[in-house]
């Protein structure tokens, strides 16, 4: 399997299939620090990143936002003192798509 962070998001439409349990298992192995959470019956990927201060957290938030714009796929980002929480899911299909795993891997690469 190709490295997720090197892949590009594909255009996703309202009827696109969500990832299967088997696909999740394969994809999740490349982003082991991410958790799958369920909110309002929608599965999402979530990770919390720690920083030493607010400015570093804010700079990371901005880098994630720029990457999201380049890929035209946007997360929920919560920025706090010393912490940024990023949540990926595909709004159009109300669940997880391969794009979410790609963007989670890209987010990890921005952190490292």
N, C-alpha and C. Protein backbone atom coordinates (compact mmCIF):
# COMPACT_ATOMS: atom_id res chain seq x y z
N UNK A 1 0.85 -1.19 0.00
CA UNK A 1 0.00 0.00 0.00
C UNK A 1 0.89 1.24 0.00
N UNK A 2 0.52 2.20 -0.81
CA UNK A 2 1.28 3.44 -0.87
C UNK A 2 1.17 4.19 0.44
N UNK A 3 2.20 4.98 0.74
CA UNK A 3 2.21 5.80 1.93
C UNK A 3 1.08 6.82 1.84
N UNK A 4 0.20 6.84 2.82
CA UNK A 4 -0.97 7.71 2.79
C UNK A 4 -0.61 9.18 2.62
N UNK A 5 0.43 9.62 3.31
CA UNK A 5 0.75 11.05 3.28
C UNK A 5 1.21 11.52 1.91
N UNK A 6 1.58 10.58 1.04
CA UNK A 6 2.01 10.92 -0.31
C UNK A 6 0.85 10.94 -1.31
N UNK A 7 -0.33 10.50 -0.89
CA UNK A 7 -1.48 10.43 -1.78
C UNK A 7 -2.25 11.74 -1.78
N UNK A 8 -3.10 11.90 -2.79
CA UNK A 8 -3.96 13.08 -2.91
C UNK A 8 -5.40 12.67 -2.64
N UNK A 9 -6.17 13.59 -2.10
CA UNK A 9 -7.59 13.34 -1.91
C UNK A 9 -8.27 13.29 -3.28
N UNK A 10 -9.25 12.42 -3.40
CA UNK A 10 -10.04 12.35 -4.63
C UNK A 10 -11.36 13.07 -4.38
N UNK A 11 -11.96 13.56 -5.45
CA UNK A 11 -13.25 14.23 -5.33
C UNK A 11 -14.26 13.23 -4.77
N UNK A 12 -15.03 13.66 -3.82
CA UNK A 12 -16.00 12.78 -3.16
C UNK A 12 -17.39 13.35 -3.37
N UNK A 13 -18.33 12.50 -3.73
CA UNK A 13 -19.70 12.95 -3.96
C UNK A 13 -20.63 12.35 -2.90
N UNK A 14 -21.82 12.83 -2.83
CA UNK A 14 -22.77 12.46 -1.77
C UNK A 14 -23.05 10.96 -1.71
N UNK A 15 -22.95 10.24 -2.81
CA UNK A 15 -23.24 8.81 -2.78
C UNK A 15 -22.02 7.92 -2.64
N UNK A 16 -20.86 8.51 -2.44
CA UNK A 16 -19.62 7.72 -2.34
C UNK A 16 -19.68 6.77 -1.14
N UNK A 17 -19.08 5.60 -1.28
CA UNK A 17 -19.11 4.64 -0.17
C UNK A 17 -18.16 5.04 0.95
N UNK A 18 -18.57 4.74 2.16
CA UNK A 18 -17.68 4.90 3.31
C UNK A 18 -16.68 3.75 3.30
N UNK A 19 -15.57 3.92 4.01
CA UNK A 19 -14.59 2.84 4.10
C UNK A 19 -15.20 1.66 4.86
N UNK A 20 -14.77 0.46 4.48
CA UNK A 20 -15.25 -0.75 5.14
C UNK A 20 -14.41 -1.00 6.39
N UNK A 21 -14.85 -1.93 7.21
CA UNK A 21 -14.10 -2.30 8.41
C UNK A 21 -12.72 -2.83 8.03
N UNK A 22 -12.63 -3.59 6.95
CA UNK A 22 -11.33 -4.10 6.49
C UNK A 22 -10.42 -2.97 6.03
N UNK A 23 -10.98 -2.02 5.30
CA UNK A 23 -10.19 -0.87 4.85
C UNK A 23 -9.71 -0.05 6.05
N UNK A 24 -10.57 0.14 7.03
CA UNK A 24 -10.19 0.89 8.23
C UNK A 24 -9.00 0.23 8.90
N UNK A 25 -9.03 -1.09 9.02
CA UNK A 25 -7.93 -1.80 9.66
C UNK A 25 -6.61 -1.57 8.92
N UNK A 26 -6.65 -1.64 7.59
CA UNK A 26 -5.44 -1.43 6.79
C UNK A 26 -4.96 0.02 6.87
N UNK A 27 -5.88 0.96 6.72
CA UNK A 27 -5.52 2.37 6.71
C UNK A 27 -5.07 2.85 8.09
N UNK A 28 -5.74 2.35 9.12
CA UNK A 28 -5.44 2.79 10.48
C UNK A 28 -4.02 2.40 10.91
N UNK A 29 -3.46 1.37 10.29
CA UNK A 29 -2.11 0.95 10.66
C UNK A 29 -1.09 2.03 10.30
N UNK A 30 -1.42 2.92 9.37
CA UNK A 30 -0.52 4.01 9.00
C UNK A 30 -0.71 5.26 9.85
N UNK A 31 -1.78 5.29 10.62
CA UNK A 31 -2.04 6.46 11.49
C UNK A 31 -2.43 5.96 12.89
N UNK A 32 -1.54 5.23 13.56
CA UNK A 32 -1.90 4.56 14.81
C UNK A 32 -2.28 5.48 15.97
N UNK A 33 -1.92 6.75 15.91
CA UNK A 33 -2.24 7.66 17.02
C UNK A 33 -3.63 8.27 16.92
N UNK A 34 -4.33 7.98 15.84
CA UNK A 34 -5.67 8.50 15.63
C UNK A 34 -6.70 7.55 16.21
N UNK A 35 -7.77 8.13 16.77
CA UNK A 35 -8.87 7.33 17.31
C UNK A 35 -10.10 7.53 16.44
N UNK A 36 -10.87 6.48 16.32
CA UNK A 36 -12.16 6.61 15.65
C UNK A 36 -13.18 6.89 16.73
N UNK A 37 -13.88 8.00 16.57
CA UNK A 37 -14.93 8.40 17.51
C UNK A 37 -16.25 8.47 16.75
N UNK A 38 -17.33 8.37 17.49
CA UNK A 38 -18.66 8.50 16.87
C UNK A 38 -19.39 9.64 17.54
N UNK A 39 -19.83 10.60 16.73
CA UNK A 39 -20.63 11.73 17.20
C UNK A 39 -21.85 11.84 16.31
N UNK A 40 -23.03 11.90 16.91
CA UNK A 40 -24.27 12.00 16.13
C UNK A 40 -24.35 10.91 15.07
N UNK A 41 -23.94 9.69 15.45
CA UNK A 41 -23.95 8.52 14.56
C UNK A 41 -23.03 8.67 13.35
N UNK A 42 -22.02 9.53 13.45
CA UNK A 42 -21.06 9.72 12.37
C UNK A 42 -19.68 9.33 12.89
N UNK A 43 -19.02 8.39 12.19
CA UNK A 43 -17.66 8.00 12.57
C UNK A 43 -16.68 9.05 12.05
N UNK A 44 -15.72 9.40 12.92
CA UNK A 44 -14.74 10.43 12.61
C UNK A 44 -13.38 9.99 13.13
N UNK A 45 -12.33 10.55 12.55
CA UNK A 45 -10.97 10.36 13.05
C UNK A 45 -10.58 11.56 13.89
N UNK A 46 -9.99 11.31 15.06
CA UNK A 46 -9.62 12.42 15.95
C UNK A 46 -8.25 12.16 16.58
N UNK A 47 -7.48 13.24 16.65
CA UNK A 47 -6.19 13.18 17.34
C UNK A 47 -5.93 14.51 18.03
N UNK A 48 -5.30 14.42 19.18
CA UNK A 48 -4.89 15.60 19.94
C UNK A 48 -3.37 15.72 19.85
N UNK A 49 -2.91 16.91 19.53
CA UNK A 49 -1.47 17.22 19.44
C UNK A 49 -1.12 18.16 20.58
N UNK A 50 0.02 17.93 21.23
CA UNK A 50 0.46 18.75 22.36
C UNK A 50 1.60 19.68 21.95
N UNK A 51 1.58 20.88 22.53
CA UNK A 51 2.60 21.90 22.26
C UNK A 51 3.00 22.57 23.57
N UNK A 52 4.12 23.30 23.53
CA UNK A 52 4.63 23.94 24.74
C UNK A 52 3.98 25.29 25.01
N UNK A 53 3.25 25.83 24.01
CA UNK A 53 2.65 27.14 24.21
C UNK A 53 1.54 27.36 23.18
N UNK A 54 0.87 28.46 23.29
CA UNK A 54 -0.25 28.76 22.39
C UNK A 54 0.23 29.08 20.98
N UNK A 55 1.32 29.83 20.86
CA UNK A 55 1.80 30.23 19.54
C UNK A 55 2.18 29.02 18.67
N UNK A 56 2.84 28.02 19.27
CA UNK A 56 3.18 26.80 18.51
C UNK A 56 1.91 26.07 18.09
N UNK A 57 0.93 26.03 18.97
CA UNK A 57 -0.35 25.38 18.64
C UNK A 57 -1.04 26.13 17.50
N UNK A 58 -1.01 27.43 17.55
CA UNK A 58 -1.64 28.24 16.51
C UNK A 58 -0.92 28.09 15.16
N UNK A 59 0.40 28.06 15.19
CA UNK A 59 1.17 27.86 13.95
C UNK A 59 0.84 26.51 13.32
N UNK A 60 0.72 25.47 14.14
CA UNK A 60 0.34 24.15 13.63
C UNK A 60 -1.06 24.20 13.03
N UNK A 61 -1.98 24.86 13.70
CA UNK A 61 -3.35 25.01 13.19
C UNK A 61 -3.33 25.64 11.80
N UNK A 62 -2.53 26.66 11.63
CA UNK A 62 -2.44 27.33 10.33
C UNK A 62 -1.85 26.43 9.26
N UNK A 63 -0.86 25.61 9.61
CA UNK A 63 -0.28 24.67 8.64
C UNK A 63 -1.31 23.62 8.22
N UNK A 64 -2.10 23.13 9.18
CA UNK A 64 -3.16 22.17 8.86
C UNK A 64 -4.19 22.82 7.95
N UNK A 65 -4.55 24.06 8.24
CA UNK A 65 -5.53 24.78 7.42
C UNK A 65 -5.03 24.95 5.99
N UNK A 66 -3.78 25.29 5.80
CA UNK A 66 -3.22 25.44 4.45
C UNK A 66 -3.23 24.12 3.69
N UNK A 67 -2.88 23.03 4.38
CA UNK A 67 -2.91 21.70 3.75
C UNK A 67 -4.34 21.33 3.37
N UNK A 68 -5.29 21.64 4.24
CA UNK A 68 -6.69 21.36 3.95
C UNK A 68 -7.17 22.11 2.72
N UNK A 69 -6.76 23.35 2.58
CA UNK A 69 -7.14 24.14 1.41
C UNK A 69 -6.54 23.56 0.14
N UNK A 70 -5.28 23.12 0.21
CA UNK A 70 -4.64 22.52 -0.97
C UNK A 70 -5.37 21.26 -1.43
N UNK A 71 -5.88 20.49 -0.48
CA UNK A 71 -6.56 19.23 -0.81
C UNK A 71 -8.07 19.40 -0.95
N UNK A 72 -8.59 20.58 -0.62
CA UNK A 72 -10.03 20.85 -0.64
C UNK A 72 -10.80 19.85 0.21
N UNK A 73 -10.24 19.58 1.39
CA UNK A 73 -10.89 18.70 2.37
C UNK A 73 -10.58 19.30 3.74
N UNK A 74 -11.61 19.62 4.50
CA UNK A 74 -11.44 20.46 5.68
C UNK A 74 -11.87 19.77 6.97
N UNK A 75 -11.06 19.87 8.01
CA UNK A 75 -11.35 19.24 9.30
C UNK A 75 -12.02 20.22 10.27
N UNK A 76 -12.36 19.67 11.39
CA UNK A 76 -12.69 20.49 12.56
C UNK A 76 -11.38 20.62 13.33
N UNK A 77 -11.03 21.85 13.69
CA UNK A 77 -9.79 22.09 14.43
C UNK A 77 -10.13 22.92 15.67
N UNK A 78 -9.70 22.43 16.81
CA UNK A 78 -9.86 23.18 18.06
C UNK A 78 -8.47 23.51 18.58
N UNK A 79 -8.17 24.79 18.71
CA UNK A 79 -6.86 25.25 19.16
C UNK A 79 -7.00 25.82 20.56
N UNK A 80 -6.16 25.32 21.47
CA UNK A 80 -6.15 25.78 22.85
C UNK A 80 -4.69 26.00 23.25
N UNK A 81 -4.48 26.53 24.45
CA UNK A 81 -3.12 26.69 24.93
C UNK A 81 -2.50 25.31 25.03
N UNK A 82 -1.42 25.09 24.26
CA UNK A 82 -0.66 23.86 24.34
C UNK A 82 -1.30 22.64 23.70
N UNK A 83 -2.41 22.82 22.97
CA UNK A 83 -3.10 21.65 22.44
C UNK A 83 -3.91 22.01 21.21
N UNK A 84 -3.86 21.13 20.21
CA UNK A 84 -4.71 21.25 19.02
C UNK A 84 -5.37 19.90 18.81
N UNK A 85 -6.69 19.91 18.66
CA UNK A 85 -7.44 18.69 18.37
C UNK A 85 -7.95 18.80 16.95
N UNK A 86 -7.63 17.78 16.14
CA UNK A 86 -8.03 17.75 14.73
C UNK A 86 -8.97 16.58 14.53
N UNK A 87 -10.09 16.83 13.85
CA UNK A 87 -11.07 15.79 13.57
C UNK A 87 -11.37 15.79 12.08
N UNK A 88 -11.19 14.61 11.46
CA UNK A 88 -11.46 14.44 10.03
C UNK A 88 -12.65 13.52 9.83
N UNK A 89 -13.54 13.88 8.92
CA UNK A 89 -14.60 13.03 8.41
C UNK A 89 -15.10 13.68 7.14
N UNK A 90 -15.86 12.93 6.37
CA UNK A 90 -16.36 13.46 5.11
C UNK A 90 -17.82 13.84 5.27
N UNK A 91 -18.07 15.12 5.23
CA UNK A 91 -19.41 15.65 5.47
C UNK A 91 -20.43 15.10 4.48
N UNK A 92 -20.05 15.02 3.20
CA UNK A 92 -20.99 14.61 2.16
C UNK A 92 -21.54 13.20 2.36
N UNK A 93 -20.74 12.31 2.97
CA UNK A 93 -21.20 10.94 3.17
C UNK A 93 -21.47 10.63 4.64
N UNK A 94 -21.33 11.65 5.48
CA UNK A 94 -21.59 11.51 6.91
C UNK A 94 -20.84 10.31 7.52
N UNK A 95 -19.54 10.28 7.23
CA UNK A 95 -18.72 9.19 7.75
C UNK A 95 -17.30 9.27 7.23
N UNK A 96 -16.62 8.14 7.30
CA UNK A 96 -15.20 8.09 6.93
C UNK A 96 -15.00 7.63 5.49
N UNK A 97 -14.14 8.34 4.80
CA UNK A 97 -13.72 8.05 3.43
C UNK A 97 -12.20 7.91 3.46
N UNK A 98 -11.65 7.31 2.44
CA UNK A 98 -10.19 7.19 2.34
C UNK A 98 -9.51 8.55 2.48
N UNK A 99 -10.14 9.60 1.96
CA UNK A 99 -9.58 10.96 2.06
C UNK A 99 -9.27 11.34 3.50
N UNK A 100 -10.10 10.91 4.44
CA UNK A 100 -9.90 11.27 5.84
C UNK A 100 -8.61 10.66 6.38
N UNK A 101 -8.31 9.44 5.98
CA UNK A 101 -7.08 8.78 6.41
C UNK A 101 -5.87 9.43 5.75
N UNK A 102 -6.01 9.82 4.49
CA UNK A 102 -4.94 10.53 3.79
C UNK A 102 -4.63 11.84 4.53
N UNK A 103 -5.66 12.58 4.87
CA UNK A 103 -5.45 13.87 5.54
C UNK A 103 -4.93 13.70 6.96
N UNK A 104 -5.34 12.64 7.64
CA UNK A 104 -4.79 12.37 8.97
C UNK A 104 -3.29 12.11 8.87
N UNK A 105 -2.86 11.34 7.86
CA UNK A 105 -1.44 11.07 7.66
C UNK A 105 -0.69 12.36 7.33
N UNK A 106 -1.27 13.20 6.50
CA UNK A 106 -0.65 14.48 6.16
C UNK A 106 -0.56 15.39 7.38
N UNK A 107 -1.56 15.34 8.25
CA UNK A 107 -1.54 16.14 9.47
C UNK A 107 -0.40 15.66 10.39
N UNK A 108 -0.25 14.34 10.51
CA UNK A 108 0.86 13.80 11.30
C UNK A 108 2.20 14.27 10.74
N UNK A 109 2.34 14.28 9.42
CA UNK A 109 3.60 14.70 8.80
C UNK A 109 3.89 16.17 9.11
N UNK A 110 2.85 17.00 9.19
CA UNK A 110 3.06 18.41 9.55
C UNK A 110 3.54 18.56 10.98
N UNK A 111 3.13 17.65 11.83
CA UNK A 111 3.50 17.71 13.24
C UNK A 111 4.96 17.29 13.46
N UNK A 112 5.44 16.35 12.66
CA UNK A 112 6.80 15.79 12.86
C UNK A 112 7.87 16.61 12.24
